[in-house]
Amino acid sequence: MLSLNTGDTGFVMLCTALVCMMTPALALFYGGMVRKKNVLTIMMQNFISMGVTAIIWIFGGFSLAFGPDVGGLFGDISYHFALDKVGIAPSPVYASTVPFILFFAYQLMFAVIAPALITGAFAGRLNFRGYLKFLILWMIFIYIPVCHWIWGGGFLAKIGVMDFAGGIVIHVSAGFAALASVIFLGRRDDMKPGEPTVPNNLPLVAVGAGLLWFGWFGFNAGGAYAADGLAAYAFTNTTIAGSIAMIVWMLYDWHYDRKPSFSGVLVGAVAGLATITPCAGYVEPWAAIIIGAVGSSVCYYAKYVQERLGFDDALEVWRAHGMGGVTGALLLGILASSNIDKVNASIHQLLNAVVLHIGEHLQCKVAEGTDCQKNVVSRQPIHQFRILNRTDTVINPAAASFIQRIPYAHRTIGLACVGSQVIAQFPGPPESFLMPVRRISGFGAVESHSHDVGILSPWL
């Protein structure tokens, strides 16, 4: 039976409060950035999300996102409808050391801020009634399904998509929804093409940005759902990336405009924080430096795409959140470290894919001597390995989901295993492609009685 951990519970409770604070902080940030006549409207749009989203989340939204999977697309709406089966007992699937009702509240805070992010894009064009309709429809048809696809065990999760704290679920979905909304609504009638939105109150923007940064510690570190080393890494990576992005953006402003701008410094920090979000708990601190610098650069230069296409994104939501989230998600596939969390995405995965592509051209044979169909990949959990003799036949790495090798006398021999049965054997990969045997999240336990046995998993 699962037991509560009071330290983890207190930590997630604090993180929930920090993420809750981010929506009012965003209202301050946007309120200072827009023109005076739009201040109250955009702040109201941000705050009302806290009420409307909570109702949706209670009556079906949470269940659609985190209920039992239905076809990989959404959860069972009846399973947690109106907080059914959501109580003090921990979930065996989500945050197993804290009350399940706290997990519900923590995820609610994410759902609240996601549509609020979009409001900065169409500032000055959508009235309050129109925004309420947009908020309800976007939550039901965009946010909740995407949340399930990645965090609720949907089809993207099953193929290995990783998102530690919402870089895809929140920033990418909100950023590209912002892009779609401004293309649909068109330009503001009272502004000339290319005319920038001049902030009406920069001190208010600074207060909002500071509170957003403060809340982002709960946003990212809370994704560990425990007060442990993983949370510490996510916490530290968050501030490193935000700091580096701020400086890089300032240098770009200094280079192109001959002087730094306060608003640019603040927007740069937000871009860096958005970029680190999907990989905060998967990368080492040195990688957070790269992510902050690359994310800031991509978001800065995205303005040329915006100018070329001519869409009127008032507060550059697509640049900071959409492109920042995409950049972070892609960098996760290159910079993730298995020393930080149980994730098998890194530069090795890219190299493995190249090896497999070459391997597809090899003739395929099964250890028993029968033909093996190319590109067949098993997703069955692997519990143990059986070693073939050196004389058994070789080939096609593309036929297996896991590759095992013997590192001493048979360094050149690789074994492909499904379950406890070895299905194919082929010349072993270079040493750098090998990973130590350990538990692989989502695919069951990988066990070995020998520390000398390695495993290559090109499909994770």
Protein backbone atom coordinates (compact mmCIF):
# COMPACT_ATOMS: atom_id res chain seq x y z
CA MET A 1 0.00 0.00 0.00
CA LEU A 2 1.30 3.46 -0.90
CA SER A 3 2.11 5.77 1.99
CA LEU A 4 2.21 9.55 2.17
CA ASN A 5 5.49 11.38 2.61
CA THR A 6 4.97 14.53 4.62
CA GLY A 7 8.06 16.23 3.21
CA ASP A 8 6.97 15.60 -0.38
CA THR A 9 3.44 16.67 0.44
CA GLY A 10 4.57 19.97 1.93
CA PHE A 11 6.89 20.58 -1.00
CA VAL A 12 4.22 19.96 -3.67
CA MET A 13 1.77 22.08 -1.70
CA LEU A 14 4.25 24.97 -1.76
CA CYS A 15 4.87 24.46 -5.49
CA THR A 16 1.11 24.49 -6.13
CA ALA A 17 0.83 27.86 -4.38
CA LEU A 18 3.78 29.23 -6.38
CA VAL A 19 2.23 28.17 -9.70
CA CYS A 20 -1.09 29.66 -8.60
CA MET A 21 0.68 32.97 -8.00
CA MET A 22 2.01 32.96 -11.57
CA THR A 23 -1.38 33.80 -13.11
CA PRO A 24 -1.79 37.09 -11.17
CA ALA A 25 1.92 37.73 -11.90
CA LEU A 26 1.22 37.25 -15.59
CA ALA A 27 -1.66 39.73 -15.30
CA LEU A 28 0.80 42.31 -13.92
CA PHE A 29 3.36 41.50 -16.61
CA TYR A 30 0.85 41.81 -19.46
CA GLY A 31 -0.91 44.75 -17.80
CA GLY A 32 2.28 46.77 -17.86
CA MET A 33 3.17 45.74 -21.42
CA VAL A 34 -0.07 46.69 -23.21
CA ARG A 35 -1.42 50.16 -23.97
CA LYS A 36 -3.33 51.94 -21.19
CA LYS A 37 -6.75 51.35 -22.69
CA ASN A 38 -6.23 47.58 -22.67
CA VAL A 39 -4.84 47.18 -19.13
CA LEU A 40 -8.01 46.22 -17.26
CA THR A 41 -9.29 44.00 -20.07
CA ILE A 42 -6.17 41.83 -20.25
CA MET A 43 -5.83 41.61 -16.47
CA MET A 44 -9.48 40.53 -16.20
CA GLN A 45 -8.93 37.91 -18.90
CA ASN A 46 -6.04 36.49 -16.90
CA PHE A 47 -7.86 36.39 -13.57
CA ILE A 48 -11.10 34.90 -14.90
CA SER A 49 -9.16 31.86 -16.08
CA MET A 50 -8.74 30.90 -12.44
CA GLY A 51 -12.51 30.54 -12.07
CA VAL A 52 -13.60 29.13 -15.42
CA THR A 53 -10.76 26.63 -15.69
CA ALA A 54 -11.40 25.31 -12.17
CA ILE A 55 -15.00 24.47 -13.08
CA ILE A 56 -13.92 22.70 -16.27
CA TRP A 57 -11.16 20.86 -14.41
CA ILE A 58 -13.51 19.59 -11.69
CA PHE A 59 -16.33 18.53 -13.98
CA GLY A 60 -14.58 16.32 -16.49
CA GLY A 61 -11.37 18.14 -17.43
CA PHE A 62 -9.09 16.37 -14.95
CA SER A 63 -10.62 13.02 -15.78
CA LEU A 64 -10.18 13.57 -19.52
CA ALA A 65 -6.53 14.46 -18.92
CA PHE A 66 -5.55 11.90 -16.28
CA GLY A 67 -8.27 9.26 -16.32
CA PRO A 68 -7.73 5.78 -17.76
CA ASP A 69 -6.54 6.03 -21.34
CA VAL A 70 -9.11 5.70 -24.13
CA GLY A 71 -7.49 4.99 -27.46
CA GLY A 72 -4.44 7.09 -26.68
CA LEU A 73 -6.43 10.30 -27.27
CA PHE A 74 -8.13 11.18 -23.97
CA GLY A 75 -8.99 9.79 -20.56
CA ASP A 76 -12.25 8.32 -19.32
CA ILE A 77 -14.39 11.37 -18.48
CA SER A 78 -16.44 9.51 -15.89
CA TYR A 79 -13.54 8.12 -13.89
CA HIS A 80 -12.69 11.27 -11.92
CA PHE A 81 -15.75 13.37 -12.79
CA ALA A 82 -16.60 15.80 -9.96
CA LEU A 83 -13.53 14.60 -8.02
CA ASP A 84 -14.67 10.98 -7.94
CA LYS A 85 -11.84 8.78 -6.61
CA VAL A 86 -9.78 11.92 -5.93
CA GLY A 87 -8.95 11.94 -2.25
CA ILE A 88 -6.18 11.78 0.29
CA ALA A 89 -4.86 8.41 -0.87
CA PRO A 90 -1.89 8.66 -3.26
CA SER A 91 -2.21 7.48 -6.84
CA PRO A 92 -0.04 4.52 -7.85
CA VAL A 93 0.48 6.21 -11.23
CA TYR A 94 0.90 9.94 -10.51
CA ALA A 95 2.95 11.41 -7.62
CA SER A 96 2.80 8.28 -5.47
CA THR A 97 4.02 9.93 -2.24
CA VAL A 98 1.55 12.83 -2.05
CA PRO A 99 -2.25 12.94 -1.75
CA PHE A 100 -3.94 12.49 -5.12
CA ILE A 101 -6.11 15.52 -4.42
CA LEU A 102 -2.93 17.60 -4.18
CA PHE A 103 -1.83 16.29 -7.58
CA PHE A 104 -5.25 17.41 -8.86
CA ALA A 105 -4.70 20.91 -7.44
CA TYR A 106 -1.15 21.17 -8.78
CA GLN A 107 -2.24 20.24 -12.30
CA LEU A 108 -5.16 22.66 -12.02
CA MET A 109 -2.70 25.53 -11.61
CA PHE A 110 -1.02 24.54 -14.87
CA ALA A 111 -4.37 24.42 -16.61
CA VAL A 112 -5.23 27.90 -15.29
CA ILE A 113 -2.15 29.67 -16.63
CA ALA A 114 -2.08 28.01 -20.06
CA PRO A 115 -4.96 29.97 -21.66
CA ALA A 116 -3.92 33.12 -19.78
CA LEU A 117 -0.62 33.06 -21.68
CA ILE A 118 -2.46 33.39 -24.99
CA THR A 119 -4.17 36.66 -24.03
CA GLY A 120 -1.00 38.66 -24.66
CA ALA A 121 -1.11 37.80 -28.36
CA PHE A 122 -4.56 39.14 -29.23
CA ALA A 123 -4.52 42.08 -26.81
CA GLY A 124 -6.87 44.84 -27.98
CA ARG A 125 -8.87 42.63 -30.36
CA LEU A 126 -11.05 40.19 -28.42
CA ASN A 127 -13.77 41.38 -26.05
CA PHE A 128 -14.51 39.66 -22.76
CA ARG A 129 -17.47 37.62 -24.04
CA GLY A 130 -15.46 36.36 -26.99
CA TYR A 131 -12.57 35.47 -24.71
CA LEU A 132 -14.82 33.39 -22.42
CA LYS A 133 -15.97 31.33 -25.41
CA PHE A 134 -12.38 30.93 -26.57
CA LEU A 135 -11.22 29.93 -23.09
CA ILE A 136 -13.81 27.18 -22.70
CA LEU A 137 -13.37 25.72 -26.20
CA TRP A 138 -9.57 25.89 -26.12
CA MET A 139 -9.39 24.14 -22.75
CA ILE A 140 -11.69 21.32 -23.87
CA PHE A 141 -10.41 20.73 -27.38
CA ILE A 142 -6.72 21.68 -27.14
CA TYR A 143 -5.20 21.81 -23.67
CA ILE A 144 -6.88 18.79 -22.08
CA PRO A 145 -6.18 16.39 -25.00
CA VAL A 146 -2.55 17.54 -25.31
CA CYS A 147 -2.12 17.14 -21.56
CA HIS A 148 -3.39 13.56 -21.79
CA TRP A 149 -1.27 12.73 -24.84
CA ILE A 150 1.95 13.53 -22.97
CA TRP A 151 1.28 13.40 -19.21
CA GLY A 152 -1.77 11.16 -19.02
CA GLY A 153 -0.43 8.12 -20.83
CA GLY A 154 -1.69 9.06 -24.29
CA PHE A 155 -0.22 8.15 -27.65
CA LEU A 156 2.66 10.65 -27.47
CA ALA A 157 3.74 9.31 -24.09
CA LYS A 158 3.67 5.78 -25.49
CA ILE A 159 6.11 6.65 -28.26
CA GLY A 160 8.49 8.30 -25.80
CA VAL A 161 7.70 12.03 -25.88
CA MET A 162 9.10 13.66 -22.73
CA ASP A 163 8.07 16.95 -21.10
CA PHE A 164 9.23 17.52 -17.55
CA ALA A 165 7.19 20.56 -16.53
CA GLY A 166 5.03 21.74 -19.43
CA GLY A 167 7.27 23.04 -22.20
CA ILE A 168 5.11 21.25 -24.77
CA VAL A 169 1.86 20.85 -22.86
CA ILE A 170 1.69 24.51 -21.85
CA HIS A 171 4.18 26.72 -23.69
CA VAL A 172 4.06 25.12 -27.13
CA SER A 173 0.29 24.64 -27.11
CA ALA A 174 -0.32 28.19 -25.82
CA GLY A 175 2.32 29.75 -28.07
CA PHE A 176 1.01 28.23 -31.27
CA ALA A 177 -2.59 28.83 -30.21
CA ALA A 178 -1.55 32.49 -29.89
CA LEU A 179 -0.17 32.38 -33.43
CA ALA A 180 -3.37 30.83 -34.78
CA SER A 181 -5.55 33.34 -32.95
CA VAL A 182 -3.77 36.44 -34.28
CA ILE A 183 -3.78 35.07 -37.83
CA PHE A 184 -7.53 34.48 -37.52
CA LEU A 185 -8.33 37.83 -35.86
CA GLY A 186 -6.03 39.90 -38.04
CA ARG A 187 -4.19 43.08 -37.17
CA ARG A 188 -5.28 45.74 -34.70
CA ASP A 189 -7.18 48.49 -36.52
CA ASP A 190 -5.63 51.33 -34.54
CA MET A 191 -1.99 50.38 -35.11
CA LYS A 192 0.14 50.61 -38.23
CA PRO A 193 1.89 47.49 -39.59
CA GLY A 194 5.20 47.02 -37.80
CA GLU A 195 4.38 49.53 -35.06
CA PRO A 196 5.63 48.13 -31.73
CA THR A 197 3.52 47.93 -28.60
CA VAL A 198 5.07 50.42 -26.19
CA PRO A 199 4.77 49.34 -22.50
CA ASN A 200 2.62 51.69 -20.47
CA ASN A 201 4.25 50.83 -17.12
CA LEU A 202 7.66 49.15 -17.07
CA PRO A 203 7.91 48.96 -13.24
CA LEU A 204 4.67 46.94 -13.29
CA VAL A 205 6.18 44.66 -15.95
CA ALA A 206 9.28 44.20 -13.78
CA VAL A 207 7.18 43.23 -10.74
CA GLY A 208 5.24 40.75 -12.86
CA ALA A 209 8.41 39.28 -14.35
CA GLY A 210 10.00 38.92 -10.91
CA LEU A 211 6.97 37.12 -9.54
CA LEU A 212 6.82 34.92 -12.63
CA TRP A 213 10.45 33.92 -12.12
CA PHE A 214 9.77 33.22 -8.44
CA GLY A 215 6.73 31.12 -9.31
CA TRP A 216 8.69 29.26 -11.99
CA PHE A 217 10.67 27.49 -9.27
CA GLY A 218 7.44 25.77 -8.25
CA PHE A 219 6.45 25.35 -11.88
CA ASN A 220 9.59 23.36 -12.75
CA ALA A 221 10.88 21.90 -9.49
CA GLY A 222 7.38 20.74 -8.59
CA GLY A 223 7.50 18.40 -11.57
CA ALA A 224 9.63 16.06 -9.43
CA TYR A 225 6.65 15.63 -7.05
CA ALA A 226 9.16 15.11 -4.24
CA ALA A 227 11.58 17.15 -2.17
CA ASP A 228 14.63 15.35 -3.53
CA GLY A 229 17.70 15.72 -5.71
CA LEU A 230 15.69 15.78 -8.91
CA ALA A 231 13.74 18.80 -7.67
CA ALA A 232 17.03 20.48 -6.74
CA TYR A 233 18.35 19.99 -10.28
CA ALA A 234 15.14 21.36 -11.81
CA PHE A 235 15.21 24.31 -9.41
CA THR A 236 18.83 25.18 -10.22
CA ASN A 237 18.49 24.65 -13.97
CA THR A 238 15.52 27.01 -13.98
CA THR A 239 17.40 30.00 -12.64
CA ILE A 240 20.54 29.25 -14.69
CA ALA A 241 18.62 29.20 -17.98
CA GLY A 242 16.63 32.32 -17.11
CA SER A 243 19.76 34.23 -16.14
CA ILE A 244 21.73 33.25 -19.24
CA ALA A 245 18.80 34.04 -21.54
CA MET A 246 18.41 37.47 -19.98
CA ILE A 247 22.07 38.34 -20.64
CA VAL A 248 22.04 36.96 -24.19
CA TRP A 249 18.91 38.95 -25.06
CA MET A 250 20.48 42.10 -23.61
CA LEU A 251 23.59 41.59 -25.77
CA TYR A 252 21.45 41.22 -28.89
CA ASP A 253 19.63 44.46 -28.04
CA TRP A 254 22.94 46.17 -27.40
CA HIS A 255 24.36 44.96 -30.71
CA TYR A 256 21.41 45.75 -32.96
CA ASP A 257 19.86 48.79 -31.21
CA ARG A 258 23.10 50.21 -29.74
CA LYS A 259 21.64 50.11 -26.24
CA PRO A 260 20.04 47.56 -23.92
CA SER A 261 16.35 47.80 -23.12
CA PHE A 262 14.68 46.98 -19.82
CA SER A 263 11.70 45.36 -21.51
CA GLY A 264 14.08 43.23 -23.61
CA VAL A 265 15.89 42.00 -20.52
CA LEU A 266 12.60 40.95 -18.94
CA VAL A 267 11.24 39.27 -22.07
CA GLY A 268 14.59 37.48 -22.54
CA ALA A 269 14.39 36.04 -19.04
CA VAL A 270 10.86 34.75 -19.68
CA ALA A 271 12.01 33.19 -22.97
CA GLY A 272 14.81 31.35 -21.16
CA LEU A 273 12.47 30.12 -18.45
CA ALA A 274 10.04 28.82 -21.07
CA THR A 275 12.86 27.07 -22.93
CA ILE A 276 14.20 25.21 -19.88
CA THR A 277 10.73 24.05 -18.80
CA PRO A 278 10.47 20.80 -20.82
CA CYS A 279 13.96 19.67 -19.80
CA ALA A 280 14.50 21.19 -16.33
CA GLY A 281 14.60 17.79 -14.64
CA TYR A 282 16.39 15.94 -17.43
CA VAL A 283 19.60 17.92 -17.97
CA GLU A 284 22.70 18.80 -16.01
CA PRO A 285 23.41 22.44 -15.02
CA TRP A 286 26.06 22.92 -17.73
CA ALA A 287 23.40 22.00 -20.30
CA ALA A 288 21.03 24.61 -18.81
CA ILE A 289 23.58 27.26 -19.82
CA ILE A 290 23.40 26.09 -23.43
CA ILE A 291 19.61 25.84 -23.33
CA GLY A 292 19.26 29.37 -21.96
CA ALA A 293 21.58 30.82 -24.61
CA VAL A 294 20.10 28.89 -27.54
CA GLY A 295 16.52 29.51 -26.39
CA SER A 296 17.10 33.24 -26.08
CA SER A 297 18.72 33.34 -29.53
CA VAL A 298 15.92 31.41 -31.22
CA CYS A 299 13.23 33.54 -29.60
CA TYR A 300 15.04 36.77 -30.43
CA TYR A 301 15.55 35.96 -34.11
CA ALA A 302 12.01 34.64 -34.42
CA LYS A 303 10.99 38.29 -34.71
CA TYR A 304 12.22 38.22 -38.30
CA VAL A 305 9.81 35.38 -39.05
CA GLN A 306 7.06 37.43 -37.42
CA GLU A 307 7.97 40.48 -39.50
CA ARG A 308 8.16 38.46 -42.70
CA LEU A 309 4.77 36.82 -42.18
CA GLY A 310 3.26 40.06 -40.89
CA PHE A 311 1.08 38.69 -38.08
CA ASP A 312 0.28 41.01 -35.17
CA ASP A 313 1.30 39.17 -31.98
CA ALA A 314 0.95 42.09 -29.56
CA LEU A 315 3.17 40.82 -26.73
CA GLU A 316 5.15 38.27 -28.74
CA VAL A 317 3.66 35.21 -27.07
CA TRP A 318 4.52 32.97 -30.00
CA ARG A 319 8.18 34.02 -29.89
CA ALA A 320 8.75 33.65 -26.17
CA HIS A 321 6.53 30.68 -25.37
CA GLY A 322 5.89 28.85 -28.63
CA MET A 323 9.42 28.94 -30.01
CA GLY A 324 10.95 28.72 -26.55
CA GLY A 325 8.98 25.57 -25.77
CA VAL A 326 9.81 23.99 -29.13
CA THR A 327 13.51 24.78 -28.72
CA GLY A 328 13.63 23.29 -25.23
CA ALA A 329 11.79 20.15 -26.31
CA LEU A 330 14.25 19.61 -29.17
CA LEU A 331 17.30 20.30 -27.02
CA LEU A 332 16.01 17.74 -24.53
CA GLY A 333 16.63 15.07 -27.17
CA ILE A 334 20.28 16.11 -27.38
CA LEU A 335 21.27 17.20 -23.88
CA ALA A 336 19.28 14.93 -21.54
CA SER A 337 21.37 13.00 -19.03
CA SER A 338 20.40 9.68 -17.49
CA ASN A 339 22.37 10.77 -14.42
CA ILE A 340 19.60 13.24 -13.61
CA ASP A 341 16.42 11.29 -14.34
CA LYS A 342 15.33 8.04 -15.92
CA VAL A 343 15.18 9.30 -19.46
CA ASN A 344 16.89 7.73 -22.45
CA ALA A 345 17.04 10.72 -24.75
CA SER A 346 20.39 12.18 -25.68
CA ILE A 347 22.89 12.63 -28.49
CA HIS A 348 23.43 8.86 -28.24
CA GLN A 349 19.84 8.32 -29.34
CA LEU A 350 20.51 10.35 -32.47
CA LEU A 351 23.62 8.30 -33.22
CA ASN A 352 21.71 5.10 -32.53
CA ALA A 353 19.11 6.11 -35.10
CA VAL A 354 21.88 6.48 -37.67
CA VAL A 355 23.21 3.03 -36.81
CA LEU A 356 19.73 1.53 -37.14
CA HIS A 357 19.16 3.22 -40.48
CA ILE A 358 22.34 1.58 -41.76
CA GLY A 359 21.32 -1.70 -40.14
CA GLU A 360 18.10 -1.80 -42.13
CA HIS A 361 20.15 -2.64 -45.19
CA LEU A 362 21.59 -5.75 -43.60
CA GLN A 363 20.07 -9.15 -44.23
CA CYS A 364 17.96 -10.23 -41.27
CA LYS A 365 18.15 -13.60 -39.59
CA VAL A 366 16.68 -14.88 -36.34
CA ALA A 367 18.70 -16.93 -33.89
CA GLU A 368 16.47 -19.93 -34.54
CA GLY A 369 17.17 -19.64 -38.27
CA THR A 370 13.85 -18.26 -39.52
CA ASP A 371 13.49 -15.01 -41.43
CA CYS A 372 12.83 -11.89 -39.43
CA GLN A 373 10.65 -9.05 -40.69
CA LYS A 374 12.47 -5.74 -40.95
CA ASN A 375 11.62 -2.79 -38.72
CA VAL A 376 9.54 -4.86 -36.29
CA VAL A 377 9.86 -3.28 -32.86
CA SER A 378 8.49 -4.83 -29.69
CA ARG A 379 7.35 -2.63 -26.80
CA GLN A 380 7.06 -5.54 -24.36
CA PRO A 381 8.79 -5.05 -20.99
CA ILE A 382 12.07 -6.94 -20.71
CA HIS A 383 12.68 -8.77 -17.45
CA GLN A 384 15.80 -10.84 -18.12
CA PHE A 385 18.29 -11.78 -20.79
CA ARG A 386 19.53 -15.12 -22.13
CA ILE A 387 22.97 -15.16 -23.74
CA LEU A 388 23.52 -16.85 -27.11
CA ASN A 389 26.68 -18.66 -28.02
CA ARG A 390 29.27 -16.86 -30.11
CA THR A 391 28.53 -19.21 -33.02
CA ASP A 392 24.86 -18.27 -33.33
CA THR A 393 23.86 -16.21 -36.31
CA VAL A 394 23.96 -12.50 -36.64
CA ILE A 395 22.18 -9.45 -37.96
CA ASN A 396 19.51 -6.80 -38.24
CA PRO A 397 19.46 -4.40 -35.28
CA ALA A 398 16.33 -2.80 -36.74
CA ALA A 399 14.40 -5.93 -35.76
CA ALA A 400 14.84 -5.44 -32.00
CA SER A 401 13.84 -2.89 -29.43
CA PHE A 402 16.67 -3.68 -27.04
CA ILE A 403 20.25 -4.71 -27.74
CA GLN A 404 22.47 -6.56 -25.32
CA ARG A 405 26.18 -7.28 -25.62
CA ILE A 406 28.99 -9.13 -23.83
CA PRO A 407 31.79 -6.63 -23.13
CA TYR A 408 34.83 -8.89 -22.64
CA ALA A 409 35.65 -11.88 -24.87
CA HIS A 410 32.80 -11.11 -27.24
CA ARG A 411 33.02 -7.31 -27.53
CA THR A 412 32.00 -7.41 -31.19
CA ILE A 413 28.84 -9.42 -30.60
CA GLY A 414 25.45 -7.78 -29.95
CA LEU A 415 22.28 -9.60 -28.94
CA ALA A 416 18.71 -8.44 -29.59
CA CYS A 417 16.25 -9.57 -26.92
CA VAL A 418 12.48 -9.51 -26.46
CA GLY A 419 11.30 -10.78 -23.10
CA SER A 420 13.67 -13.56 -22.07
CA GLN A 421 14.20 -14.70 -25.67
CA VAL A 422 17.05 -13.56 -27.85
CA ILE A 423 15.63 -13.00 -31.32
CA ALA A 424 18.65 -11.80 -33.28
CA GLN A 425 22.35 -11.21 -33.04
CA PHE A 426 24.56 -8.72 -34.87
CA PRO A 427 27.99 -7.05 -34.75
CA GLY A 428 28.11 -4.91 -31.64
CA PRO A 429 27.94 -1.09 -31.73
CA PRO A 430 30.78 1.26 -30.72
CA GLU A 431 31.49 1.54 -27.02
CA SER A 432 30.05 5.06 -26.80
CA PHE A 433 26.59 3.83 -27.76
CA LEU A 434 26.22 1.59 -24.72
CA MET A 435 24.31 2.42 -21.57
CA PRO A 436 24.39 0.60 -18.22
CA VAL A 437 21.57 -1.77 -17.41
CA ARG A 438 19.04 -0.09 -15.13
CA ARG A 439 15.32 0.43 -14.70
CA ILE A 440 13.79 2.03 -17.77
CA SER A 441 10.74 4.13 -16.94
CA GLY A 442 7.57 2.97 -18.65
CA PHE A 443 8.96 -0.32 -19.95
CA GLY A 444 9.29 -2.43 -16.82
CA ALA A 445 12.43 -3.53 -15.03
CA VAL A 446 15.58 -4.46 -16.86
CA GLU A 447 17.52 -6.85 -14.67
CA SER A 448 20.93 -8.46 -14.95
CA HIS A 449 22.96 -10.51 -12.49
CA SER A 450 26.17 -9.37 -14.16
CA HIS A 451 27.54 -5.84 -14.02
CA ASP A 452 29.45 -6.60 -17.21
CA VAL A 453 26.34 -6.71 -19.38
CA GLY A 454 25.23 -3.53 -21.16
CA ILE A 455 22.11 -2.51 -23.04
CA LEU A 456 21.51 -0.26 -26.01
CA SER A 457 17.96 1.06 -26.42
CA PRO A 458 17.69 3.03 -29.67
CA TRP A 459 13.92 3.27 -29.45
CA LEU A 460 13.62 5.21 -26.20
